[in-house]
Amino acid sequence: MNRADMDVDTHMNASDIETGTEPEAAQPDDAETRAAQAAASPHAERRAETMRVFHRMLEMPPGDPERERLRAAVIEDHMAYARRIAARYGGHGEVVEDFVQVAYLGLVKAVDNFDPGYGTGFLGYATPMIMGEIKRYFRDATWDVHVPRRMQELSSALRKATEALTQELGRSPGVGELAERVRATPEEVIEAMDAASAYTTASLDRPVRVDAAEGASLAEFVGGEDPRFEAVVNREVLKPLLAKLGERDKRILMMRFFRGMTQSQIGEELHVSQMQVSRLLTRILDELRAGFD
């Protein structure tokens, strides 16, 4: 195998990538026959040479330096093929580097697990493995927010079902119709629809155009926690508790917390001692606190 052979192989058509199938070449009996076959079919000779390498690797124990050298050579010679598969997922002709790395991972797994004795060519074995790795990555790693795999798969099925039913019915399908088509419950369909919104998210640093604040970022318009919210909740809880208090207890609270009177001043107005006022306030407040539990 050599780099020239690899360059030739990268020109194989799209159907080769899709199916990964190719006819196996018979091993030549002598040098003259081998040379004639290579001239007639360089792809077949390259594939036959790859199979011979795998047979040699099969005879060597794991960790053998020669075996590792051959393994590395097979991987390197098929990296362009893996990149070609990854390019199909790049969008608009671009090869996304993440997809390329995942394709290489699939290629390595294919080399490490391929058995030439199964009767299939290496590309026929490696192609679906590489594509499978890319599809799994595309499914699991391209969502901006992690959602369960079941919801990811259901969201994908719903997109296809929505398109099909819209054409069949001439209108947008309802939740029940979608649930029947994808064999899920209406609740699961609604959950998957919500999960689909997590596929892409907007950055809080994204600039937005608002007439009153041109050039502001999205983060400036995201609401925060209102510090007065807890006070509103507490007030609503206190209302029925205060209504249950006696008139003297209500009067004591009014004088202490709304008129700002000291315990001594309250005692003088009620004609009781300051110590009695302290005990009364402690009892009243304990009763109110108990109502929050």
C-alpha atoms as a PDB file:
ATOM      1  CA  MET A   1       0.000   0.000   0.000  1.00  0.00           C
ATOM      2  CA  ASN A   2       1.173   3.556  -0.644  1.00  0.00           C
ATOM      3  CA  ARG A   3      -0.117   7.100  -0.708  1.00  0.00           C
ATOM      4  CA  ALA A   4      -0.661   7.031  -4.480  1.00  0.00           C
ATOM      5  CA  ASP A   5      -3.086   4.153  -4.045  1.00  0.00           C
ATOM      6  CA  MET A   6      -4.888   6.135  -1.338  1.00  0.00           C
ATOM      7  CA  ASP A   7      -5.253   9.129  -3.635  1.00  0.00           C
ATOM      8  CA  VAL A   8      -6.792   6.937  -6.306  1.00  0.00           C
ATOM      9  CA  ASP A   9      -9.267   5.492  -3.829  1.00  0.00           C
ATOM     10  CA  THR A  10     -10.588   8.884  -2.750  1.00  0.00           C
ATOM     11  CA  HIS A  11     -12.133   9.290  -6.218  1.00  0.00           C
ATOM     12  CA  MET A  12     -14.607   6.451  -5.715  1.00  0.00           C
ATOM     13  CA  ASN A  13     -18.225   7.469  -6.347  1.00  0.00           C
ATOM     14  CA  ALA A  14     -20.919   8.273  -3.759  1.00  0.00           C
ATOM     15  CA  SER A  15     -22.568   4.859  -4.046  1.00  0.00           C
ATOM     16  CA  ASP A  16     -19.337   3.273  -2.811  1.00  0.00           C
ATOM     17  CA  ILE A  17     -19.610   5.302   0.387  1.00  0.00           C
ATOM     18  CA  GLU A  18     -23.297   4.621   0.861  1.00  0.00           C
ATOM     19  CA  THR A  19     -23.109   0.866   0.585  1.00  0.00           C
ATOM     20  CA  GLY A  20     -19.465   0.194   1.350  1.00  0.00           C
ATOM     21  CA  THR A  21     -19.603  -2.901  -0.878  1.00  0.00           C
ATOM     22  CA  GLU A  22     -17.073  -3.950  -3.444  1.00  0.00           C
ATOM     23  CA  PRO A  23     -16.178  -7.157  -5.255  1.00  0.00           C
ATOM     24  CA  GLU A  24     -13.311  -9.139  -3.787  1.00  0.00           C
ATOM     25  CA  ALA A  25     -10.379  -9.799  -6.076  1.00  0.00           C
ATOM     26  CA  ALA A  26      -8.886 -13.250  -6.386  1.00  0.00           C
ATOM     27  CA  GLN A  27      -5.294 -13.419  -5.226  1.00  0.00           C
ATOM     28  CA  PRO A  28      -2.896 -13.603  -8.192  1.00  0.00           C
ATOM     29  CA  ASP A  29      -0.888 -16.776  -8.691  1.00  0.00           C
ATOM     30  CA  ASP A  30       2.306 -15.135  -9.874  1.00  0.00           C
ATOM     31  CA  ALA A  31       3.967 -11.768 -10.301  1.00  0.00           C
ATOM     32  CA  GLU A  32       2.970 -11.461 -13.976  1.00  0.00           C
ATOM     33  CA  THR A  33      -0.715 -12.082 -13.248  1.00  0.00           C
ATOM     34  CA  ARG A  34      -0.574  -9.719 -10.282  1.00  0.00           C
ATOM     35  CA  ALA A  35       0.907  -6.932 -12.375  1.00  0.00           C
ATOM     36  CA  ALA A  36      -1.728  -7.399 -15.089  1.00  0.00           C
ATOM     37  CA  GLN A  37      -4.534  -7.307 -12.543  1.00  0.00           C
ATOM     38  CA  ALA A  38      -3.165  -4.203 -10.838  1.00  0.00           C
ATOM     39  CA  ALA A  39      -3.004  -2.411 -14.184  1.00  0.00           C
ATOM     40  CA  ALA A  40      -6.600  -3.412 -14.984  1.00  0.00           C
ATOM     41  CA  SER A  41      -8.068  -2.678 -11.533  1.00  0.00           C
ATOM     42  CA  PRO A  42      -5.977  -0.616  -9.093  1.00  0.00           C
ATOM     43  CA  HIS A  43      -8.881  -0.481  -6.634  1.00  0.00           C
ATOM     44  CA  ALA A  44      -9.206  -4.260  -6.597  1.00  0.00           C
ATOM     45  CA  GLU A  45      -5.453  -4.683  -6.072  1.00  0.00           C
ATOM     46  CA  ARG A  46      -5.457  -2.209  -3.218  1.00  0.00           C
ATOM     47  CA  ARG A  47      -8.351  -3.997  -1.542  1.00  0.00           C
ATOM     48  CA  ALA A  48      -6.628  -7.339  -2.045  1.00  0.00           C
ATOM     49  CA  GLU A  49      -3.433  -5.958  -0.521  1.00  0.00           C
ATOM     50  CA  THR A  50      -5.439  -4.672   2.469  1.00  0.00           C
ATOM     51  CA  MET A  51      -6.861  -8.163   2.988  1.00  0.00           C
ATOM     52  CA  ARG A  52      -3.363  -9.666   2.827  1.00  0.00           C
ATOM     53  CA  VAL A  53      -2.228  -7.229   5.499  1.00  0.00           C
ATOM     54  CA  PHE A  54      -5.114  -8.199   7.754  1.00  0.00           C
ATOM     55  CA  HIS A  55      -4.277 -11.872   7.298  1.00  0.00           C
ATOM     56  CA  ARG A  56      -0.668 -11.123   8.288  1.00  0.00           C
ATOM     57  CA  MET A  57      -1.855  -9.181  11.358  1.00  0.00           C
ATOM     58  CA  LEU A  58      -4.053 -12.113  12.325  1.00  0.00           C
ATOM     59  CA  GLU A  59      -0.992 -14.328  12.547  1.00  0.00           C
ATOM     60  CA  MET A  60       0.845 -11.964  14.894  1.00  0.00           C
ATOM     61  CA  PRO A  61       0.302 -11.675  18.665  1.00  0.00           C
ATOM     62  CA  PRO A  62      -1.107  -8.441  20.153  1.00  0.00           C
ATOM     63  CA  GLY A  63       1.631  -5.963  20.954  1.00  0.00           C
ATOM     64  CA  ASP A  64       3.960  -7.254  18.237  1.00  0.00           C
ATOM     65  CA  PRO A  65       5.821  -4.200  16.844  1.00  0.00           C
ATOM     66  CA  GLU A  66       5.339  -5.352  13.261  1.00  0.00           C
ATOM     67  CA  ARG A  67       1.635  -5.865  13.850  1.00  0.00           C
ATOM     68  CA  GLU A  68       1.332  -2.343  15.297  1.00  0.00           C
ATOM     69  CA  ARG A  69       3.176  -0.942  12.284  1.00  0.00           C
ATOM     70  CA  LEU A  70       0.800  -2.676   9.876  1.00  0.00           C
ATOM     71  CA  ARG A  71      -2.223  -1.543  11.902  1.00  0.00           C
ATOM     72  CA  ALA A  72      -1.054   2.077  11.785  1.00  0.00           C
ATOM     73  CA  ALA A  73      -0.449   1.810   8.037  1.00  0.00           C
ATOM     74  CA  VAL A  74      -3.966   0.507   7.355  1.00  0.00           C
ATOM     75  CA  ILE A  75      -5.485   3.305   9.445  1.00  0.00           C
ATOM     76  CA  GLU A  76      -3.410   5.971   7.728  1.00  0.00           C
ATOM     77  CA  ASP A  77      -4.180   4.669   4.248  1.00  0.00           C
ATOM     78  CA  HIS A  78      -7.947   4.804   4.910  1.00  0.00           C
ATOM     79  CA  MET A  79      -8.109   8.176   6.665  1.00  0.00           C
ATOM     80  CA  ALA A  80      -8.962   9.976   3.422  1.00  0.00           C
ATOM     81  CA  TYR A  81     -11.903   7.602   2.972  1.00  0.00           C
ATOM     82  CA  ALA A  82     -13.108   8.378   6.520  1.00  0.00           C
ATOM     83  CA  ARG A  83     -12.813  12.114   5.807  1.00  0.00           C
ATOM     84  CA  ARG A  84     -14.899  11.646   2.667  1.00  0.00           C
ATOM     85  CA  ILE A  85     -17.698  10.097   4.707  1.00  0.00           C
ATOM     86  CA  ALA A  86     -17.453  12.854   7.339  1.00  0.00           C
ATOM     87  CA  ALA A  87     -17.721  15.505   4.608  1.00  0.00           C
ATOM     88  CA  ARG A  88     -21.277  14.394   3.929  1.00  0.00           C
ATOM     89  CA  TYR A  89     -22.268  15.697   7.368  1.00  0.00           C
ATOM     90  CA  GLY A  90     -20.365  18.970   7.170  1.00  0.00           C
ATOM     91  CA  GLY A  91     -23.024  21.027   5.427  1.00  0.00           C
ATOM     92  CA  HIS A  92     -22.474  23.093   2.283  1.00  0.00           C
ATOM     93  CA  GLY A  93     -19.297  21.217   1.383  1.00  0.00           C
ATOM     94  CA  GLU A  94     -17.460  21.976   4.620  1.00  0.00           C
ATOM     95  CA  VAL A  95     -15.791  19.146   6.509  1.00  0.00           C
ATOM     96  CA  VAL A  96     -16.539  19.742  10.176  1.00  0.00           C
ATOM     97  CA  GLU A  97     -13.461  18.832  12.208  1.00  0.00           C
ATOM     98  CA  ASP A  98     -15.502  17.200  14.958  1.00  0.00           C
ATOM     99  CA  PHE A  99     -17.113  14.861  12.443  1.00  0.00           C
ATOM    100  CA  VAL A 100     -13.714  14.026  10.962  1.00  0.00           C
ATOM    101  CA  GLN A 101     -12.336  13.056  14.366  1.00  0.00           C
ATOM    102  CA  VAL A 102     -15.385  10.890  15.050  1.00  0.00           C
ATOM    103  CA  ALA A 103     -14.946   9.262  11.625  1.00  0.00           C
ATOM    104  CA  TYR A 104     -11.333   8.467  12.504  1.00  0.00           C
ATOM    105  CA  LEU A 105     -12.549   6.864  15.728  1.00  0.00           C
ATOM    106  CA  GLY A 106     -14.923   4.672  13.731  1.00  0.00           C
ATOM    107  CA  LEU A 107     -12.081   3.751  11.371  1.00  0.00           C
ATOM    108  CA  VAL A 108      -9.835   2.701  14.258  1.00  0.00           C
ATOM    109  CA  LYS A 109     -12.602   0.564  15.721  1.00  0.00           C
ATOM    110  CA  ALA A 110     -13.156  -1.032  12.321  1.00  0.00           C
ATOM    111  CA  VAL A 111      -9.452  -1.879  11.933  1.00  0.00           C
ATOM    112  CA  ASP A 112      -9.280  -3.336  15.433  1.00  0.00           C
ATOM    113  CA  ASN A 113     -12.404  -5.471  15.047  1.00  0.00           C
ATOM    114  CA  PHE A 114     -12.244  -6.570  11.407  1.00  0.00           C
ATOM    115  CA  ASP A 115     -11.831 -10.283  10.738  1.00  0.00           C
ATOM    116  CA  PRO A 116     -10.765 -11.090   7.149  1.00  0.00           C
ATOM    117  CA  GLY A 117     -12.182 -14.579   7.602  1.00  0.00           C
ATOM    118  CA  TYR A 118     -15.771 -13.302   7.576  1.00  0.00           C
ATOM    119  CA  GLY A 119     -15.756 -13.139   3.798  1.00  0.00           C
ATOM    120  CA  THR A 120     -16.486  -9.420   3.396  1.00  0.00           C
ATOM    121  CA  GLY A 121     -14.180  -6.648   2.266  1.00  0.00           C
ATOM    122  CA  PHE A 122     -12.758  -4.166   4.755  1.00  0.00           C
ATOM    123  CA  LEU A 123     -14.639  -1.175   3.324  1.00  0.00           C
ATOM    124  CA  GLY A 124     -17.871  -3.131   3.473  1.00  0.00           C
ATOM    125  CA  TYR A 125     -17.241  -3.591   7.188  1.00  0.00           C
ATOM    126  CA  ALA A 126     -15.759  -0.171   7.967  1.00  0.00           C
ATOM    127  CA  THR A 127     -18.262   2.056   6.144  1.00  0.00           C
ATOM    128  CA  PRO A 128     -21.332   1.347   8.312  1.00  0.00           C
ATOM    129  CA  MET A 129     -19.164   1.486  11.443  1.00  0.00           C
ATOM    130  CA  ILE A 130     -17.795   4.924  10.537  1.00  0.00           C
ATOM    131  CA  MET A 131     -21.235   6.225   9.573  1.00  0.00           C
ATOM    132  CA  GLY A 132     -22.694   4.802  12.768  1.00  0.00           C
ATOM    133  CA  GLU A 133     -20.151   6.660  14.905  1.00  0.00           C
ATOM    134  CA  ILE A 134     -20.900   9.933  13.104  1.00  0.00           C
ATOM    135  CA  LYS A 135     -24.662   9.494  13.436  1.00  0.00           C
ATOM    136  CA  ARG A 136     -24.362   8.739  17.131  1.00  0.00           C
ATOM    137  CA  TYR A 137     -22.219  11.827  17.598  1.00  0.00           C
ATOM    138  CA  PHE A 138     -24.654  13.909  15.575  1.00  0.00           C
ATOM    139  CA  ARG A 139     -27.529  12.638  17.708  1.00  0.00           C
ATOM    140  CA  ASP A 140     -25.869  12.924  21.101  1.00  0.00           C
ATOM    141  CA  ALA A 141     -23.457  15.842  20.881  1.00  0.00           C
ATOM    142  CA  THR A 142     -25.062  18.453  18.615  1.00  0.00           C
ATOM    143  CA  TRP A 143     -27.921  19.345  20.967  1.00  0.00           C
ATOM    144  CA  ASP A 144     -27.171  22.554  22.879  1.00  0.00           C
ATOM    145  CA  VAL A 145     -29.047  21.246  25.928  1.00  0.00           C
ATOM    146  CA  HIS A 146     -28.851  17.595  26.910  1.00  0.00           C
ATOM    147  CA  VAL A 147     -32.151  15.749  26.656  1.00  0.00           C
ATOM    148  CA  PRO A 148     -32.787  12.003  27.022  1.00  0.00           C
ATOM    149  CA  ARG A 149     -31.985   9.923  23.944  1.00  0.00           C
ATOM    150  CA  ARG A 150     -35.581   8.701  23.783  1.00  0.00           C
ATOM    151  CA  MET A 151     -36.770  12.297  23.398  1.00  0.00           C
ATOM    152  CA  GLN A 152     -34.128  13.008  20.744  1.00  0.00           C
ATOM    153  CA  GLU A 153     -35.257  10.011  18.697  1.00  0.00           C
ATOM    154  CA  LEU A 154     -38.931  10.871  19.169  1.00  0.00           C
ATOM    155  CA  SER A 155     -38.305  14.485  18.128  1.00  0.00           C
ATOM    156  CA  SER A 156     -36.690  13.267  14.920  1.00  0.00           C
ATOM    157  CA  ALA A 157     -39.593  10.883  14.252  1.00  0.00           C
ATOM    158  CA  LEU A 158     -42.091  13.695  14.879  1.00  0.00           C
ATOM    159  CA  ARG A 159     -40.452  15.934  12.282  1.00  0.00           C
ATOM    160  CA  LYS A 160     -40.812  13.238   9.647  1.00  0.00           C
ATOM    161  CA  ALA A 161     -44.361  12.362  10.750  1.00  0.00           C
ATOM    162  CA  THR A 162     -45.404  16.027  10.672  1.00  0.00           C
ATOM    163  CA  GLU A 163     -44.186  16.438   7.095  1.00  0.00           C
ATOM    164  CA  ALA A 164     -45.864  13.231   5.946  1.00  0.00           C
ATOM    165  CA  LEU A 165     -49.199  13.917   7.659  1.00  0.00           C
ATOM    166  CA  THR A 166     -49.277  17.515   6.445  1.00  0.00           C
ATOM    167  CA  GLN A 167     -49.067  16.263   2.857  1.00  0.00           C
ATOM    168  CA  GLU A 168     -51.626  13.505   3.448  1.00  0.00           C
ATOM    169  CA  LEU A 169     -54.169  15.627   5.345  1.00  0.00           C
ATOM    170  CA  GLY A 170     -53.605  18.962   3.650  1.00  0.00           C
ATOM    171  CA  ARG A 171     -53.295  20.608   7.077  1.00  0.00           C
ATOM    172  CA  SER A 172     -51.149  20.522  10.176  1.00  0.00           C
ATOM    173  CA  PRO A 173     -51.691  17.292  12.145  1.00  0.00           C
ATOM    174  CA  GLY A 174     -52.931  17.331  15.722  1.00  0.00           C
ATOM    175  CA  VAL A 175     -51.162  15.855  18.712  1.00  0.00           C
ATOM    176  CA  GLY A 176     -53.380  12.774  18.682  1.00  0.00           C
ATOM    177  CA  GLU A 177     -52.680  12.109  14.996  1.00  0.00           C
ATOM    178  CA  LEU A 178     -48.945  12.492  15.537  1.00  0.00           C
ATOM    179  CA  ALA A 179     -49.043  10.211  18.563  1.00  0.00           C
ATOM    180  CA  GLU A 180     -50.785   7.513  16.538  1.00  0.00           C
ATOM    181  CA  ARG A 181     -48.289   7.819  13.679  1.00  0.00           C
ATOM    182  CA  VAL A 182     -45.158   7.566  15.861  1.00  0.00           C
ATOM    183  CA  ARG A 183     -46.773   5.069  18.269  1.00  0.00           C
ATOM    184  CA  ALA A 184     -46.384   7.235  21.344  1.00  0.00           C
ATOM    185  CA  THR A 185     -48.737   8.760  23.890  1.00  0.00           C
ATOM    186  CA  PRO A 186     -49.950  12.360  23.448  1.00  0.00           C
ATOM    187  CA  GLU A 187     -48.030  13.275  26.607  1.00  0.00           C
ATOM    188  CA  GLU A 188     -44.799  11.915  25.107  1.00  0.00           C
ATOM    189  CA  VAL A 189     -45.426  13.844  21.884  1.00  0.00           C
ATOM    190  CA  ILE A 190     -45.861  17.104  23.789  1.00  0.00           C
ATOM    191  CA  GLU A 191     -42.722  16.401  25.816  1.00  0.00           C
ATOM    192  CA  ALA A 192     -40.746  15.682  22.641  1.00  0.00           C
ATOM    193  CA  MET A 193     -41.984  18.927  21.095  1.00  0.00           C
ATOM    194  CA  ASP A 194     -40.703  20.814  24.122  1.00  0.00           C
ATOM    195  CA  ALA A 195     -37.404  18.916  23.954  1.00  0.00           C
ATOM    196  CA  ALA A 196     -36.961  19.892  20.294  1.00  0.00           C
ATOM    197  CA  SER A 197     -36.602  23.522  21.347  1.00  0.00           C
ATOM    198  CA  ALA A 198     -33.404  22.525  23.173  1.00  0.00           C
ATOM    199  CA  TYR A 199     -31.646  21.600  19.909  1.00  0.00           C
ATOM    200  CA  THR A 200     -30.357  25.142  19.520  1.00  0.00           C
ATOM    201  CA  THR A 201     -30.055  27.919  22.071  1.00  0.00           C
ATOM    202  CA  ALA A 202     -29.285  31.611  21.848  1.00  0.00           C
ATOM    203  CA  SER A 203     -26.247  33.140  23.508  1.00  0.00           C
ATOM    204  CA  LEU A 204     -26.970  35.683  26.237  1.00  0.00           C
ATOM    205  CA  ASP A 205     -24.274  37.853  24.648  1.00  0.00           C
ATOM    206  CA  ARG A 206     -26.187  37.990  21.374  1.00  0.00           C
ATOM    207  CA  PRO A 207     -26.971  41.614  20.478  1.00  0.00           C
ATOM    208  CA  VAL A 208     -30.613  42.489  20.024  1.00  0.00           C
ATOM    209  CA  ARG A 209     -32.174  45.529  18.406  1.00  0.00           C
ATOM    210  CA  VAL A 210     -34.690  47.325  20.567  1.00  0.00           C
ATOM    211  CA  ASP A 211     -35.922  50.828  19.806  1.00  0.00           C
ATOM    212  CA  ALA A 212     -35.303  51.992  23.357  1.00  0.00           C
ATOM    213  CA  ALA A 213     -31.926  50.312  23.752  1.00  0.00           C
ATOM    214  CA  GLU A 214     -30.218  49.638  20.453  1.00  0.00           C
ATOM    215  CA  GLY A 215     -27.166  47.416  20.729  1.00  0.00           C
ATOM    216  CA  ALA A 216     -28.086  45.848  24.082  1.00  0.00           C
ATOM    217  CA  SER A 217     -27.366  42.169  24.691  1.00  0.00           C
ATOM    218  CA  LEU A 218     -30.000  39.524  25.284  1.00  0.00           C
ATOM    219  CA  ALA A 219     -28.787  39.067  28.875  1.00  0.00           C
ATOM    220  CA  GLU A 220     -29.933  42.606  29.714  1.00  0.00           C
ATOM    221  CA  PHE A 221     -33.517  41.617  28.986  1.00  0.00           C
ATOM    222  CA  VAL A 222     -33.553  38.390  30.995  1.00  0.00           C
ATOM    223  CA  GLY A 223     -35.517  38.809  34.198  1.00  0.00           C
ATOM    224  CA  GLY A 224     -33.940  38.139  37.568  1.00  0.00           C
ATOM    225  CA  GLU A 225     -35.276  37.164  40.946  1.00  0.00           C
ATOM    226  CA  ASP A 226     -37.384  39.926  42.532  1.00  0.00           C
ATOM    227  CA  PRO A 227     -36.212  40.474  46.137  1.00  0.00           C
ATOM    228  CA  ARG A 228     -39.734  41.637  47.058  1.00  0.00           C
ATOM    229  CA  PHE A 229     -41.305  38.345  45.980  1.00  0.00           C
ATOM    230  CA  GLU A 230     -40.615  36.647  49.321  1.00  0.00           C
ATOM    231  CA  ALA A 231     -42.109  39.596  51.173  1.00  0.00           C
ATOM    232  CA  VAL A 232     -45.319  39.253  49.167  1.00  0.00           C
ATOM    233  CA  VAL A 233     -45.523  35.545  50.007  1.00  0.00           C
ATOM    234  CA  ASN A 234     -44.921  36.198  53.695  1.00  0.00           C
ATOM    235  CA  ARG A 235     -47.607  38.855  53.754  1.00  0.00           C
ATOM    236  CA  GLU A 236     -50.152  36.517  52.241  1.00  0.00           C
ATOM    237  CA  VAL A 237     -49.292  33.855  54.805  1.00  0.00           C
ATOM    238  CA  LEU A 238     -49.574  36.368  57.686  1.00  0.00           C
ATOM    239  CA  LYS A 239     -53.000  37.684  56.782  1.00  0.00           C
ATOM    240  CA  PRO A 240     -55.041  34.711  58.106  1.00  0.00           C
ATOM    241  CA  LEU A 241     -52.695  34.329  61.100  1.00  0.00           C
ATOM    242  CA  LEU A 242     -53.155  37.957  62.156  1.00  0.00           C
ATOM    243  CA  ALA A 243     -56.898  37.668  61.733  1.00  0.00           C
ATOM    244  CA  LYS A 244     -56.961  34.969  64.436  1.00  0.00           C
ATOM    245  CA  LEU A 245     -55.222  37.150  67.051  1.00  0.00           C
ATOM    246  CA  GLY A 246     -57.113  38.832  69.832  1.00  0.00           C
ATOM    247  CA  GLU A 247     -57.633  42.598  69.898  1.00  0.00           C
ATOM    248  CA  ARG A 248     -54.963  43.193  72.585  1.00  0.00           C
ATOM    249  CA  ASP A 249     -52.389  41.116  70.674  1.00  0.00           C
ATOM    250  CA  LYS A 250     -53.110  43.029  67.486  1.00  0.00           C
ATOM    251  CA  ARG A 251     -52.772  46.324  69.387  1.00  0.00           C
ATOM    252  CA  ILE A 252     -49.405  45.281  70.832  1.00  0.00           C
ATOM    253  CA  LEU A 253     -48.066  44.374  67.370  1.00  0.00           C
ATOM    254  CA  MET A 254     -49.356  47.670  65.955  1.00  0.00           C
ATOM    255  CA  MET A 255     -47.662  49.713  68.651  1.00  0.00           C
ATOM    256  CA  ARG A 256     -44.373  47.774  68.458  1.00  0.00           C
ATOM    257  CA  PHE A 257     -43.863  47.347  64.702  1.00  0.00           C
ATOM    258  CA  PHE A 258     -45.917  50.115  63.087  1.00  0.00           C
ATOM    259  CA  ARG A 259     -45.706  52.931  65.635  1.00  0.00           C
ATOM    260  CA  GLY A 260     -42.155  52.073  66.734  1.00  0.00           C
ATOM    261  CA  MET A 261     -42.932  52.178  70.463  1.00  0.00           C
ATOM    262  CA  THR A 262     -40.599  50.601  73.008  1.00  0.00           C
ATOM    263  CA  GLN A 263     -41.743  47.853  75.360  1.00  0.00           C
ATOM    264  CA  SER A 264     -41.781  50.329  78.253  1.00  0.00           C
ATOM    265  CA  GLN A 265     -44.016  52.741  76.304  1.00  0.00           C
ATOM    266  CA  ILE A 266     -46.358  49.888  75.381  1.00  0.00           C
ATOM    267  CA  GLY A 267     -46.470  48.832  79.063  1.00  0.00           C
ATOM    268  CA  GLU A 268     -47.399  52.343  80.155  1.00  0.00           C
ATOM    269  CA  GLU A 269     -50.253  52.514  77.627  1.00  0.00           C
ATOM    270  CA  LEU A 270     -51.577  49.061  78.584  1.00  0.00           C
ATOM    271  CA  HIS A 271     -50.892  49.604  82.296  1.00  0.00           C
ATOM    272  CA  VAL A 272     -48.654  46.548  82.539  1.00  0.00           C
ATOM    273  CA  SER A 273     -44.961  46.079  83.232  1.00  0.00           C
ATOM    274  CA  GLN A 274     -42.267  46.045  80.545  1.00  0.00           C
ATOM    275  CA  MET A 275     -41.543  42.398  81.461  1.00  0.00           C
ATOM    276  CA  GLN A 276     -45.169  41.473  80.782  1.00  0.00           C
ATOM    277  CA  VAL A 277     -45.005  43.199  77.400  1.00  0.00           C
ATOM    278  CA  SER A 278     -41.857  41.232  76.554  1.00  0.00           C
ATOM    279  CA  ARG A 279     -43.553  37.923  77.423  1.00  0.00           C
ATOM    280  CA  LEU A 280     -46.665  38.893  75.426  1.00  0.00           C
ATOM    281  CA  LEU A 281     -44.591  39.795  72.350  1.00  0.00           C
ATOM    282  CA  THR A 282     -42.630  36.535  72.600  1.00  0.00           C
ATOM    283  CA  ARG A 283     -45.844  34.488  72.719  1.00  0.00           C
ATOM    284  CA  ILE A 284     -47.464  36.377  69.825  1.00  0.00           C
ATOM    285  CA  LEU A 285     -44.417  36.073  67.585  1.00  0.00           C
ATOM    286  CA  ASP A 286     -43.991  32.366  68.392  1.00  0.00           C
ATOM    287  CA  GLU A 287     -47.606  31.743  67.338  1.00  0.00           C
ATOM    288  CA  LEU A 288     -47.072  33.605  64.084  1.00  0.00           C
ATOM    289  CA  ARG A 289     -43.835  31.769  63.317  1.00  0.00           C
ATOM    290  CA  ALA A 290     -45.567  28.439  63.927  1.00  0.00           C
ATOM    291  CA  GLY A 291     -48.003  29.316  61.161  1.00  0.00           C
ATOM    292  CA  PHE A 292     -45.152  29.328  58.619  1.00  0.00           C
ATOM    293  CA  ASP A 293     -44.173  25.708  59.275  1.00  0.00           C
END
